[in-house]
């Protein structure tokens, strides 16, 4: 009987030792897991701390006098480059405008002169015909035809019109009186036209030279 009680006591002691060993192993496993979980967090916190430190250092460097001077020098260089580009663009524009103005002055009458060439050719043909013609009337008719074509071209294409006929009322704005005489008239009027006047649209480009008859005193 005593042997059985002794054996039971030994078994209970072994069981307690096993339980203590199991609990100790579980405690070590839990501590290891906690340590492993803590390492990434500590690493993250360390990385965040380093990043903030780098940002603070960069900001501190940007606030230094040397950094400010470098930034101002860069800004000044950029503004200077923009100014030079705009100056070059303006100079090119000015040269282009001057060239266009000169071209307009040099060749502005090119179309008119081209149209006048036809009349010039007709005059040449009339002169050639006159050198061998025996009929004066045919020469006169040819000259009248050339004159008519020329006048029609100037009036229809270039809005050139003539004015000044005997009997018209005298208008000092468009007529130039080169002489005056008294006559039986109620108002001053043209007695003779020595040189016709011309208008380009509504602008007088040549005054008519006329003799004026004015009412008798």
Protein backbone atom coordinates (compact mmCIF):
# COMPACT_ATOMS: atom_id res chain seq x y z
CA UNK A 1 0.00 0.00 0.00
CA UNK A 2 2.77 2.36 0.87
CA UNK A 3 4.45 1.46 -2.43
CA UNK A 4 1.31 2.48 -4.36
CA UNK A 5 1.07 5.86 -2.61
CA UNK A 6 4.70 6.54 -3.31
CA UNK A 7 4.24 5.74 -6.97
CA UNK A 8 1.24 8.06 -7.23
CA UNK A 9 3.23 10.86 -5.61
CA UNK A 10 6.00 10.44 -8.16
CA UNK A 11 3.52 10.57 -11.07
CA UNK A 12 1.92 13.74 -9.73
CA UNK A 13 5.33 15.36 -9.40
CA UNK A 14 6.23 14.43 -13.00
CA UNK A 15 2.95 15.84 -14.25
CA UNK A 16 3.56 19.11 -12.46
CA UNK A 17 7.04 19.37 -13.95
CA UNK A 18 5.65 18.74 -17.45
CA UNK A 19 2.99 21.41 -16.96
CA UNK A 20 5.61 23.88 -15.76
CA UNK A 21 7.79 23.11 -18.79
CA UNK A 22 4.84 23.56 -21.15
CA UNK A 23 3.89 26.89 -19.60
CA UNK A 24 7.50 28.05 -19.76
CA UNK A 25 7.72 27.15 -23.47
CA UNK A 26 4.47 28.99 -24.21
CA UNK A 27 5.73 32.04 -22.35
CA UNK A 28 8.96 32.03 -24.38
CA UNK A 29 7.01 31.68 -27.67
CA UNK A 30 4.72 34.60 -26.78
CA UNK A 31 7.66 36.78 -25.80
CA UNK A 32 9.44 35.95 -29.07
CA UNK A 33 6.31 36.86 -31.07
CA UNK A 34 5.94 40.14 -29.24
CA UNK A 35 9.59 40.98 -29.88
CA UNK A 36 9.21 40.17 -33.61
CA UNK A 37 6.11 42.40 -33.87
CA UNK A 38 7.89 45.20 -32.07
CA UNK A 39 10.90 45.18 -34.46
CA UNK A 40 9.03 46.35 -37.65
CA UNK A 41 7.24 49.02 -35.66
CA UNK A 42 10.51 50.25 -34.25
CA UNK A 43 12.06 50.15 -37.73
CA UNK A 44 9.12 52.16 -39.15
CA UNK A 45 9.41 54.70 -36.38
CA UNK A 46 13.14 54.92 -37.03
CA UNK A 47 12.60 55.43 -40.80
CA UNK A 48 9.99 58.12 -40.10
CA UNK A 49 12.33 59.86 -37.77
CA UNK A 50 15.12 59.81 -40.37
CA UNK A 51 12.76 61.19 -43.08
CA UNK A 52 11.66 64.05 -40.87
CA UNK A 53 15.25 64.75 -40.03
CA UNK A 54 16.16 64.87 -43.76
CA UNK A 55 13.26 67.24 -44.48
CA UNK A 56 14.27 69.49 -41.64
CA UNK A 57 17.86 69.48 -42.87
CA UNK A 58 16.79 70.32 -46.45
CA UNK A 59 14.57 73.13 -45.22
CA UNK A 60 17.36 74.45 -43.08
CA UNK A 61 19.75 74.36 -46.06
CA UNK A 62 17.19 76.21 -48.24
CA UNK A 63 16.98 78.97 -45.69
CA UNK A 64 20.70 79.59 -45.72
CA UNK A 65 22.01 82.81 -47.33
CA UNK A 66 23.89 80.81 -49.96
CA UNK A 67 20.74 78.99 -51.02
CA UNK A 68 18.75 82.22 -51.21
CA UNK A 69 21.46 83.85 -53.31
CA UNK A 70 21.53 80.86 -55.67
CA UNK A 71 17.73 80.99 -56.05
CA UNK A 72 17.81 84.73 -56.80
CA UNK A 73 20.60 84.27 -59.33
CA UNK A 74 18.59 81.57 -61.11
CA UNK A 75 15.48 83.75 -61.14
CA UNK A 76 17.52 86.67 -62.49
CA UNK A 77 18.98 84.49 -65.25
CA UNK A 78 15.50 83.28 -66.24
CA UNK A 79 14.14 86.83 -66.40
CA UNK A 80 17.14 87.97 -68.45
CA UNK A 81 16.60 85.11 -70.89
CA UNK A 82 12.91 86.02 -71.27
CA UNK A 83 13.81 89.67 -71.84
CA UNK A 84 16.34 88.80 -74.54
CA UNK A 85 13.85 86.54 -76.30
CA UNK A 86 11.15 89.21 -76.29
CA UNK A 87 13.59 91.83 -77.51
CA UNK A 88 14.62 89.54 -80.38
CA UNK A 89 10.97 88.85 -81.26
CA UNK A 90 10.17 92.57 -81.26
CA UNK A 91 13.19 93.35 -83.43
CA UNK A 92 12.14 90.69 -85.94
CA UNK A 93 8.60 92.08 -85.95
CA UNK A 94 9.89 95.63 -86.51
CA UNK A 95 12.07 94.52 -89.41
CA UNK A 96 9.21 92.59 -90.95
CA UNK A 97 6.87 95.59 -90.71
CA UNK A 98 9.50 97.87 -92.27
CA UNK A 99 10.00 95.42 -95.11
CA UNK A 100 6.27 95.12 -95.74
CA UNK A 101 5.93 98.92 -95.71
CA UNK A 102 8.80 99.26 -98.17
CA UNK A 103 7.29 96.56 -100.41
CA UNK A 104 3.93 98.34 -100.33
CA UNK A 105 5.67 101.58 -101.35
CA UNK A 106 7.76 99.94 -104.08
CA UNK A 107 5.10 97.69 -105.56
CA UNK A 108 1.83 99.29 -104.48
CA UNK A 109 1.19 100.54 -108.02
CA UNK A 110 2.09 97.25 -109.69
CA UNK A 111 -1.53 96.34 -110.50
CA UNK A 112 -2.28 99.78 -111.93
CA UNK A 113 0.85 99.77 -114.06
CA UNK A 114 0.05 96.30 -115.32
CA UNK A 115 -3.39 97.50 -116.42
CA UNK A 116 -1.84 100.54 -118.10
CA UNK A 117 0.36 98.31 -120.23
CA UNK A 118 -2.59 97.39 -122.43
CA UNK A 119 -3.25 101.04 -123.18
CA UNK A 120 0.45 101.57 -123.82
CA UNK A 121 0.48 98.67 -126.28
CA UNK A 122 -2.54 100.14 -128.06
CA UNK A 123 -0.80 103.49 -128.36
CA UNK A 124 2.26 101.77 -129.84
CA UNK A 125 0.12 100.02 -132.43
CA UNK A 126 -1.63 103.31 -133.24
CA UNK A 127 1.69 105.05 -133.81
CA UNK A 128 2.90 102.24 -136.07
CA UNK A 129 -0.28 102.49 -138.09
CA UNK A 130 -0.02 106.29 -138.30
CA UNK A 131 3.43 106.08 -139.90
CA UNK A 132 2.00 104.46 -143.02
CA UNK A 133 -1.66 105.58 -142.87
CA UNK A 134 -3.12 107.86 -145.50
CA UNK A 135 -6.47 108.31 -143.78
CA UNK A 136 -6.20 110.75 -140.88
CA UNK A 137 -9.68 109.90 -139.63
CA UNK A 138 -8.75 106.28 -138.97
CA UNK A 139 -5.83 107.42 -136.82
CA UNK A 140 -8.07 109.77 -134.86
CA UNK A 141 -10.64 107.03 -134.35
CA UNK A 142 -7.91 104.69 -133.09
CA UNK A 143 -6.71 107.27 -130.58
CA UNK A 144 -10.27 107.89 -129.38
CA UNK A 145 -10.78 104.16 -128.87
CA UNK A 146 -7.57 103.87 -126.82
CA UNK A 147 -8.60 106.87 -124.73
CA UNK A 148 -12.07 105.44 -124.11
CA UNK A 149 -10.71 102.05 -123.01
CA UNK A 150 -8.22 103.72 -120.68
CA UNK A 151 -10.85 105.96 -119.05
CA UNK A 152 -13.28 103.04 -118.61
CA UNK A 153 -10.58 100.95 -116.95
CA UNK A 154 -9.62 103.73 -114.51
CA UNK A 155 -13.24 104.53 -113.66
CA UNK A 156 -14.53 100.97 -113.27
CA UNK A 157 -11.53 99.32 -111.63
CA UNK A 158 -9.94 102.14 -109.66
CA UNK A 159 -12.90 104.44 -108.95
CA UNK A 160 -11.23 107.35 -110.70
CA UNK A 161 -13.64 109.97 -112.02
CA UNK A 162 -13.20 113.28 -113.82
CA UNK A 163 -15.13 116.50 -113.29
CA UNK A 164 -15.32 120.03 -114.68
CA UNK A 165 -17.59 121.07 -117.56
CA UNK A 166 -18.57 124.43 -118.97
CA UNK A 167 -21.70 125.75 -117.29
CA UNK A 168 -21.08 123.90 -113.97
CA UNK A 169 -21.43 125.99 -110.82
CA UNK A 170 -18.08 127.16 -109.52
CA UNK A 171 -16.96 125.32 -106.38
CA UNK A 172 -13.66 126.53 -104.87
CA UNK A 173 -13.27 123.18 -103.10
CA UNK A 174 -12.80 121.33 -106.38
CA UNK A 175 -12.13 124.09 -108.91
CA UNK A 176 -9.07 126.28 -109.25
CA UNK A 177 -9.93 129.61 -110.91
CA UNK A 178 -7.13 130.83 -113.13
CA UNK A 179 -9.19 133.76 -114.38
CA UNK A 180 -12.53 135.53 -113.85
CA UNK A 181 -14.84 137.55 -116.05
CA UNK A 182 -18.21 139.19 -115.63
CA UNK A 183 -21.26 137.95 -117.45
CA UNK A 184 -25.01 137.66 -117.40
CA UNK A 185 -25.18 134.91 -114.80
CA UNK A 186 -26.90 134.65 -111.43
CA UNK A 187 -24.13 132.60 -109.80
CA UNK A 188 -20.49 132.05 -110.54
CA UNK A 189 -20.10 129.33 -113.12
CA UNK A 190 -17.45 127.77 -115.32
CA UNK A 191 -16.90 129.67 -118.54
CA UNK A 192 -14.15 127.32 -119.74
CA UNK A 193 -12.26 124.26 -118.48
CA UNK A 194 -8.56 124.30 -119.24
CA UNK A 195 -7.70 121.14 -117.32
CA UNK A 196 -10.18 118.57 -115.98
CA UNK A 197 -10.11 117.62 -112.31
CA UNK A 198 -10.05 114.09 -110.94
CA UNK A 199 -11.35 112.31 -107.84
CA UNK A 200 -10.24 109.00 -106.40
CA UNK A 201 -13.51 107.83 -104.88
CA UNK A 202 -14.50 110.93 -102.86
CA UNK A 203 -11.05 112.47 -102.58
CA UNK A 204 -9.94 115.21 -104.96
CA UNK A 205 -6.53 114.32 -106.31
CA UNK A 206 -6.41 117.16 -108.84
CA UNK A 207 -8.43 120.37 -108.96
CA UNK A 208 -9.90 121.45 -112.26
CA UNK A 209 -8.30 124.56 -113.71
CA UNK A 210 -11.10 126.79 -114.98
CA UNK A 211 -12.18 130.24 -116.18
CA UNK A 212 -15.03 131.59 -114.06
CA UNK A 213 -17.87 133.87 -115.04
CA UNK A 214 -19.27 135.90 -112.20
CA UNK A 215 -22.43 138.06 -112.04
CA UNK A 216 -22.12 141.60 -113.30
CA UNK A 217 -21.65 144.25 -110.63
